[in-house]
Amino acid sequence: MSYWNTYNGKYSMRIKFLCLIFALGSTFTVNSPAQSSMMQKYNLPLLYNDDGDDFIIIAHRGASAYYPENTMVAFQKAVEMGAEMIELDIMMSKDGVPIVFHDAKLNKHTNGNSYVRNYTLNELKKLDAGSWFDSKFSDQKIPTLEEVLEFASGKIALNIEIKTEAVSDKIENGIEQKALQLVKKHGMENHVLFSSFDYRAVRRIKQFDSNVPVALLYDKSQSNRLLPHQLVEKYNVDAFNCSYRQLKRKWMTDLNEHDIPTFIYTVNSKRKMQKLIAGSVTGIFTNKPDLLKSVVENYHLNNTTD
């Protein structure tokens, strides 16, 4: 088990892989050995199943290409497929319980209607959270954050995304504080990466505990044209998350020059996975953790140094 902020990447290997980057039309730059020392200032979570390859396979809402997203079966299967981290989304029930669900409204992914915030936990637990995907998953319910923490503890690291819809001006007993309390209750504070598109939530988590790993999810409207490293410094976070479409040459150069851990979502194409791995990103969010695991293994197998 090792901290992911201590990756002294296989730099000679990366230089060797430049041909792959050019072949794929990549716009990315490669880290140099002189930059590795700067990564020490970023605090990333411990992985329970660290394979030492300096890359994190993140199951986006679980193995959500094959199972209903943000359900226990999707999380269980992600572990079986070799994911090293699970990304999940949290909202708050009417009675103030952090639950795992992506949308503000229930109608798309359950047989409920209206907004999550209008349902108590007991009411949410009566809903079918699986049949929208396939009728054989009709037994799947909306998990609470605590249920997922109980499952993940000792098994797999988590990226907990605090949904913007759940963030309010309330700091005491707000979703940030409640989520952090649950994480600590289950001894997962060293195995969790918090993130949010709402920069208030990002800042609050760090205010509650500066040692807890936090990533900023890029939101254009709050960023004032700042470069990634400027945002990371401004909000005192440990990583920068953005979409594949948002990632551009200028950003990748900036991130590599400042050795900022970088996570990219949501990538389900083998070619794009290869391109990002060659570009030295820290991890990829995917709905297909089995495919990403295969791509990573083949990449290292085909490009090992003597």
Protein backbone atom coordinates (compact mmCIF):
# COMPACT_ATOMS: atom_id res chain seq x y z
CA MET A 1 0.00 0.00 0.00
CA SER A 2 1.51 3.36 -0.98
CA TYR A 3 0.45 6.97 -1.31
CA TRP A 4 -0.38 7.96 -4.87
CA ASN A 5 1.33 11.28 -4.38
CA THR A 6 4.69 9.53 -4.32
CA TYR A 7 4.69 8.25 -7.85
CA ASN A 8 8.17 8.68 -9.32
CA GLY A 9 6.75 7.51 -12.68
CA LYS A 10 8.62 5.43 -15.17
CA TYR A 11 9.96 8.52 -16.94
CA SER A 12 12.31 6.74 -19.29
CA MET A 13 9.41 4.53 -20.28
CA ARG A 14 7.21 7.56 -20.92
CA ILE A 15 9.80 9.09 -23.22
CA LYS A 16 9.96 5.79 -25.07
CA PHE A 17 6.21 5.98 -25.51
CA LEU A 18 6.25 9.33 -27.33
CA CYS A 19 5.81 7.47 -30.60
CA LEU A 20 2.47 6.21 -29.34
CA ILE A 21 1.42 9.70 -28.34
CA PHE A 22 2.22 11.08 -31.78
CA ALA A 23 0.54 8.13 -33.48
CA LEU A 24 -2.65 8.87 -31.61
CA GLY A 25 -2.46 12.59 -32.38
CA SER A 26 -1.94 13.37 -28.74
CA THR A 27 -1.55 16.95 -27.53
CA PHE A 28 -0.04 15.91 -24.21
CA THR A 29 3.40 16.50 -22.77
CA VAL A 30 5.50 14.10 -20.72
CA ASN A 31 6.71 14.71 -17.18
CA SER A 32 10.44 15.04 -16.59
CA PRO A 33 12.28 13.46 -13.66
CA ALA A 34 13.12 16.89 -12.22
CA GLN A 35 9.42 17.52 -11.60
CA SER A 36 8.74 14.48 -9.40
CA SER A 37 9.70 16.14 -6.12
CA MET A 38 6.92 18.72 -6.45
CA MET A 39 4.24 16.03 -6.25
CA GLN A 40 5.01 15.45 -2.59
CA LYS A 41 2.82 18.37 -1.55
CA TYR A 42 -0.35 16.73 -2.82
CA ASN A 43 -2.21 14.31 -0.59
CA LEU A 44 -3.97 11.50 -2.46
CA PRO A 45 -5.80 8.55 -0.92
CA LEU A 46 -4.26 5.23 -0.04
CA LEU A 47 -5.37 2.41 -2.31
CA TYR A 48 -6.26 -0.91 -0.72
CA ASN A 49 -5.27 -2.73 -3.91
CA ASP A 50 -2.35 -0.66 -5.19
CA ASP A 51 -0.59 -2.52 -8.00
CA GLY A 52 2.27 -0.03 -8.11
CA ASP A 53 1.87 1.08 -11.73
CA ASP A 54 1.34 4.78 -10.89
CA PHE A 55 -2.14 4.81 -12.39
CA ILE A 56 -5.64 4.56 -10.87
CA ILE A 57 -8.54 2.68 -12.46
CA ILE A 58 -11.71 4.44 -11.29
CA ALA A 59 -15.12 2.84 -11.77
CA HIS A 60 -17.49 5.70 -12.61
CA ARG A 61 -20.64 5.16 -10.53
CA GLY A 62 -19.45 1.57 -10.27
CA ALA A 63 -19.32 -0.77 -13.25
CA SER A 64 -22.09 1.34 -14.72
CA ALA A 65 -21.81 0.13 -18.33
CA TYR A 66 -23.07 -3.25 -17.18
CA TYR A 67 -25.11 -2.56 -14.02
CA PRO A 68 -27.41 0.22 -12.81
CA GLU A 69 -25.28 3.18 -11.75
CA ASN A 70 -24.68 4.03 -8.10
CA THR A 71 -26.10 0.76 -6.82
CA MET A 72 -24.50 -1.85 -4.62
CA VAL A 73 -24.34 -4.41 -7.42
CA ALA A 74 -22.48 -1.91 -9.62
CA PHE A 75 -19.99 -1.28 -6.81
CA GLN A 76 -19.52 -4.97 -6.04
CA LYS A 77 -18.88 -5.81 -9.68
CA ALA A 78 -16.42 -2.92 -10.02
CA VAL A 79 -14.32 -4.51 -7.29
CA GLU A 80 -14.50 -7.89 -9.03
CA MET A 81 -13.38 -6.29 -12.31
CA GLY A 82 -10.22 -4.91 -10.72
CA ALA A 83 -11.12 -1.25 -10.16
CA GLU A 84 -8.82 0.52 -7.70
CA MET A 85 -11.31 3.25 -6.80
CA ILE A 86 -15.06 3.75 -7.11
CA GLU A 87 -16.57 7.13 -7.95
CA LEU A 88 -20.01 7.83 -6.53
CA ASP A 89 -22.33 10.80 -6.15
CA ILE A 90 -24.01 11.96 -2.95
CA MET A 91 -27.20 13.90 -2.33
CA MET A 92 -29.17 14.55 0.86
CA SER A 93 -32.55 13.09 1.78
CA LYS A 94 -35.37 15.23 3.17
CA ASP A 95 -34.46 14.10 6.68
CA GLY A 96 -30.78 14.91 6.25
CA VAL A 97 -29.19 11.56 5.39
CA PRO A 98 -26.43 11.47 2.73
CA ILE A 99 -27.54 9.04 0.01
CA VAL A 100 -25.84 7.82 -3.16
CA PHE A 101 -27.61 9.14 -6.25
CA HIS A 102 -26.57 11.29 -9.20
CA ASP A 103 -29.60 13.25 -10.34
CA ALA A 104 -31.54 15.91 -8.50
CA LYS A 105 -34.78 14.25 -9.70
CA LEU A 106 -35.71 10.62 -9.22
CA ASN A 107 -37.72 9.84 -12.33
CA LYS A 108 -34.90 8.80 -14.70
CA HIS A 109 -33.23 6.18 -12.51
CA THR A 110 -36.01 5.03 -10.17
CA ASN A 111 -39.79 4.56 -10.21
CA GLY A 112 -40.13 7.69 -8.10
CA ASN A 113 -40.80 11.25 -9.20
CA SER A 114 -40.08 14.75 -7.94
CA TYR A 115 -36.77 15.67 -6.31
CA VAL A 116 -34.55 13.63 -4.01
CA ARG A 117 -34.75 16.39 -1.42
CA ASN A 118 -38.53 15.85 -1.12
CA TYR A 119 -38.18 12.22 0.01
CA THR A 120 -37.22 10.91 3.43
CA LEU A 121 -34.72 8.06 3.61
CA ASN A 122 -37.51 5.61 4.37
CA GLU A 123 -39.40 6.75 1.28
CA LEU A 124 -36.28 6.57 -0.89
CA LYS A 125 -35.59 3.02 0.28
CA LYS A 126 -38.96 1.89 -1.08
CA LEU A 127 -38.01 2.87 -4.63
CA ASP A 128 -36.76 0.54 -7.35
CA ALA A 129 -33.32 1.82 -8.47
CA GLY A 130 -32.52 -0.96 -10.93
CA SER A 131 -35.38 -1.70 -13.32
CA TRP A 132 -34.68 1.38 -15.45
CA PHE A 133 -31.50 -0.46 -16.51
CA ASP A 134 -32.90 -3.99 -16.67
CA SER A 135 -35.84 -5.68 -14.94
CA LYS A 136 -33.51 -8.27 -13.41
CA PHE A 137 -32.12 -5.51 -11.18
CA SER A 138 -35.49 -4.61 -9.63
CA ASP A 139 -34.14 -5.51 -6.20
CA GLN A 140 -31.60 -2.67 -6.23
CA LYS A 141 -32.24 0.20 -3.83
CA ILE A 142 -30.71 3.64 -3.42
CA PRO A 143 -27.75 3.13 -1.06
CA THR A 144 -26.88 5.45 1.77
CA LEU A 145 -23.34 6.76 1.90
CA GLU A 146 -22.88 4.83 5.12
CA GLU A 147 -23.84 1.56 3.46
CA VAL A 148 -21.25 2.11 0.74
CA LEU A 149 -18.57 3.02 3.28
CA GLU A 150 -19.32 -0.19 5.18
CA PHE A 151 -18.90 -2.14 1.94
CA ALA A 152 -15.75 -0.31 0.79
CA SER A 153 -13.84 -0.21 4.08
CA GLY A 154 -10.80 -2.49 3.82
CA LYS A 155 -11.62 -3.22 0.18
CA ILE A 156 -11.54 -0.26 -2.21
CA ALA A 157 -10.89 3.49 -2.17
CA LEU A 158 -13.70 5.93 -2.98
CA ASN A 159 -14.09 9.20 -4.85
CA ILE A 160 -17.08 10.86 -3.23
CA GLU A 161 -18.53 13.57 -5.44
CA ILE A 162 -20.73 16.03 -3.56
CA LYS A 163 -23.45 17.06 -5.98
CA THR A 164 -23.99 20.76 -6.50
CA GLU A 165 -27.72 20.33 -5.80
CA ALA A 166 -26.90 19.10 -2.30
CA VAL A 167 -24.69 22.05 -1.39
CA SER A 168 -26.29 24.94 0.46
CA ASP A 169 -25.25 27.96 2.49
CA LYS A 170 -25.62 25.77 5.56
CA ILE A 171 -22.22 24.74 6.87
CA GLU A 172 -23.09 23.18 10.23
CA ASN A 173 -24.72 19.79 9.54
CA GLY A 174 -24.47 20.40 5.81
CA ILE A 175 -23.68 17.57 3.44
CA GLU A 176 -19.93 18.22 3.57
CA GLN A 177 -19.75 17.89 7.34
CA LYS A 178 -22.06 14.88 7.47
CA ALA A 179 -20.18 13.05 4.72
CA LEU A 180 -16.82 13.69 6.38
CA GLN A 181 -18.16 12.48 9.73
CA LEU A 182 -19.34 9.23 8.15
CA VAL A 183 -16.01 8.73 6.37
CA LYS A 184 -14.15 9.11 9.67
CA LYS A 185 -16.63 6.90 11.51
CA HIS A 186 -15.68 4.05 9.17
CA GLY A 187 -11.95 4.80 9.20
CA MET A 188 -11.89 5.73 5.52
CA GLU A 189 -10.40 9.24 5.73
CA ASN A 190 -7.12 8.06 4.22
CA HIS A 191 -8.89 6.11 1.49
CA VAL A 192 -11.30 8.72 0.15
CA LEU A 193 -10.97 11.53 -2.37
CA PHE A 194 -13.72 14.15 -2.06
CA SER A 195 -14.65 16.23 -5.11
CA SER A 196 -17.31 18.65 -6.28
CA PHE A 197 -18.24 21.02 -9.09
CA ASP A 198 -19.33 23.42 -6.34
CA TYR A 199 -16.19 25.13 -5.14
CA ARG A 200 -17.88 25.97 -1.82
CA ALA A 201 -17.98 22.26 -0.98
CA VAL A 202 -14.32 21.83 -1.98
CA ARG A 203 -13.29 24.67 0.30
CA ARG A 204 -15.42 23.48 3.22
CA ILE A 205 -14.02 19.96 3.27
CA LYS A 206 -10.51 21.39 3.51
CA GLN A 207 -11.63 23.77 6.25
CA PHE A 208 -13.06 20.87 8.25
CA ASP A 209 -9.91 18.78 7.79
CA SER A 210 -6.97 20.00 5.74
CA ASN A 211 -5.48 16.48 5.61
CA VAL A 212 -8.39 14.88 3.78
CA PRO A 213 -7.70 14.47 0.04
CA VAL A 214 -9.86 16.75 -2.12
CA ALA A 215 -10.06 17.26 -5.88
CA LEU A 216 -11.52 20.21 -7.70
CA LEU A 217 -13.98 19.29 -10.47
CA TYR A 218 -13.54 21.98 -13.08
CA ASP A 219 -16.48 24.35 -13.54
CA LYS A 220 -15.97 27.13 -16.07
CA SER A 221 -18.40 29.59 -14.45
CA GLN A 222 -16.47 29.60 -11.15
CA SER A 223 -12.94 29.53 -12.55
CA ASN A 224 -12.44 33.04 -13.96
CA ARG A 225 -10.16 31.75 -16.73
CA LEU A 226 -7.57 30.59 -14.22
CA LEU A 227 -5.20 27.81 -15.23
CA PRO A 228 -5.49 24.45 -13.44
CA HIS A 229 -2.47 25.06 -11.21
CA GLN A 230 -3.88 28.43 -10.18
CA LEU A 231 -7.19 26.83 -9.21
CA VAL A 232 -5.42 24.07 -7.30
CA GLU A 233 -3.43 26.67 -5.36
CA LYS A 234 -6.41 28.96 -4.78
CA TYR A 235 -8.59 26.23 -3.29
CA ASN A 236 -5.76 24.31 -1.63
CA VAL A 237 -6.77 21.01 -3.23
CA ASP A 238 -4.81 17.87 -4.05
CA ALA A 239 -5.94 17.08 -7.59
CA PHE A 240 -7.61 18.45 -10.68
CA ASN A 241 -10.52 16.63 -12.34
CA CYS A 242 -11.99 17.48 -15.73
CA SER A 243 -13.66 15.85 -18.71
CA TYR A 244 -11.84 14.41 -21.69
CA ARG A 245 -13.43 17.10 -23.88
CA GLN A 246 -12.20 19.90 -21.62
CA LEU A 247 -8.61 18.70 -21.50
CA LYS A 248 -6.46 20.67 -23.91
CA ARG A 249 -2.78 21.13 -24.68
CA LYS A 250 -2.40 24.27 -22.59
CA TRP A 251 -3.97 22.62 -19.57
CA MET A 252 -2.00 19.40 -19.87
CA THR A 253 1.24 21.33 -20.15
CA ASP A 254 0.32 23.37 -17.08
CA LEU A 255 -0.65 20.27 -15.08
CA ASN A 256 2.51 18.39 -16.02
CA GLU A 257 4.78 21.37 -15.34
CA HIS A 258 3.34 21.66 -11.83
CA ASP A 259 3.07 17.88 -11.29
CA ILE A 260 -0.58 18.13 -10.33
CA PRO A 261 -2.42 14.80 -10.00
CA THR A 262 -5.00 14.73 -12.79
CA PHE A 263 -8.12 12.60 -13.18
CA ILE A 264 -10.13 12.53 -16.41
CA TYR A 265 -13.78 11.53 -16.91
CA THR A 266 -15.65 9.66 -18.45
CA VAL A 267 -13.63 7.54 -20.88
CA ASN A 268 -14.98 4.30 -22.36
CA SER A 269 -12.96 4.17 -25.58
CA LYS A 270 -9.82 2.02 -25.73
CA ARG A 271 -8.06 4.54 -27.98
CA LYS A 272 -8.76 7.46 -25.66
CA MET A 273 -7.64 5.41 -22.67
CA GLN A 274 -4.32 4.67 -24.37
CA LYS A 275 -3.86 8.33 -25.26
CA LEU A 276 -4.43 9.50 -21.70
CA ILE A 277 -2.20 6.84 -20.16
CA ALA A 278 0.59 7.87 -22.53
CA GLY A 279 -0.04 11.47 -21.51
CA SER A 280 0.73 10.58 -17.87
CA VAL A 281 -2.63 11.33 -16.29
CA THR A 282 -3.00 9.98 -12.76
CA GLY A 283 -6.25 8.13 -13.34
CA ILE A 284 -9.29 7.69 -15.55
CA PHE A 285 -12.97 7.47 -14.69
CA THR A 286 -14.70 4.82 -16.79
CA ASN A 287 -18.00 2.96 -16.91
CA LYS A 288 -15.97 -0.07 -18.05
CA PRO A 289 -13.31 -0.80 -15.40
CA ASP A 290 -12.62 -4.21 -16.93
CA LEU A 291 -11.70 -2.63 -20.27
CA LEU A 292 -9.50 0.00 -18.65
CA LYS A 293 -7.72 -2.63 -16.57
CA SER A 294 -6.98 -4.60 -19.75
CA VAL A 295 -5.71 -1.50 -21.56
CA VAL A 296 -3.43 -0.57 -18.65
CA GLU A 297 -2.03 -4.09 -18.40
CA ASN A 298 -1.39 -4.32 -22.14
CA TYR A 299 0.19 -0.88 -22.19
CA HIS A 300 2.72 -1.78 -19.55
CA LEU A 301 3.27 -5.28 -20.98
CA ASN A 302 4.07 -3.87 -24.41
CA ASN A 303 6.26 -1.06 -23.13
CA THR A 304 8.32 -2.51 -20.30
CA THR A 305 11.95 -1.51 -20.10
CA ASP A 306 14.82 -3.99 -19.79
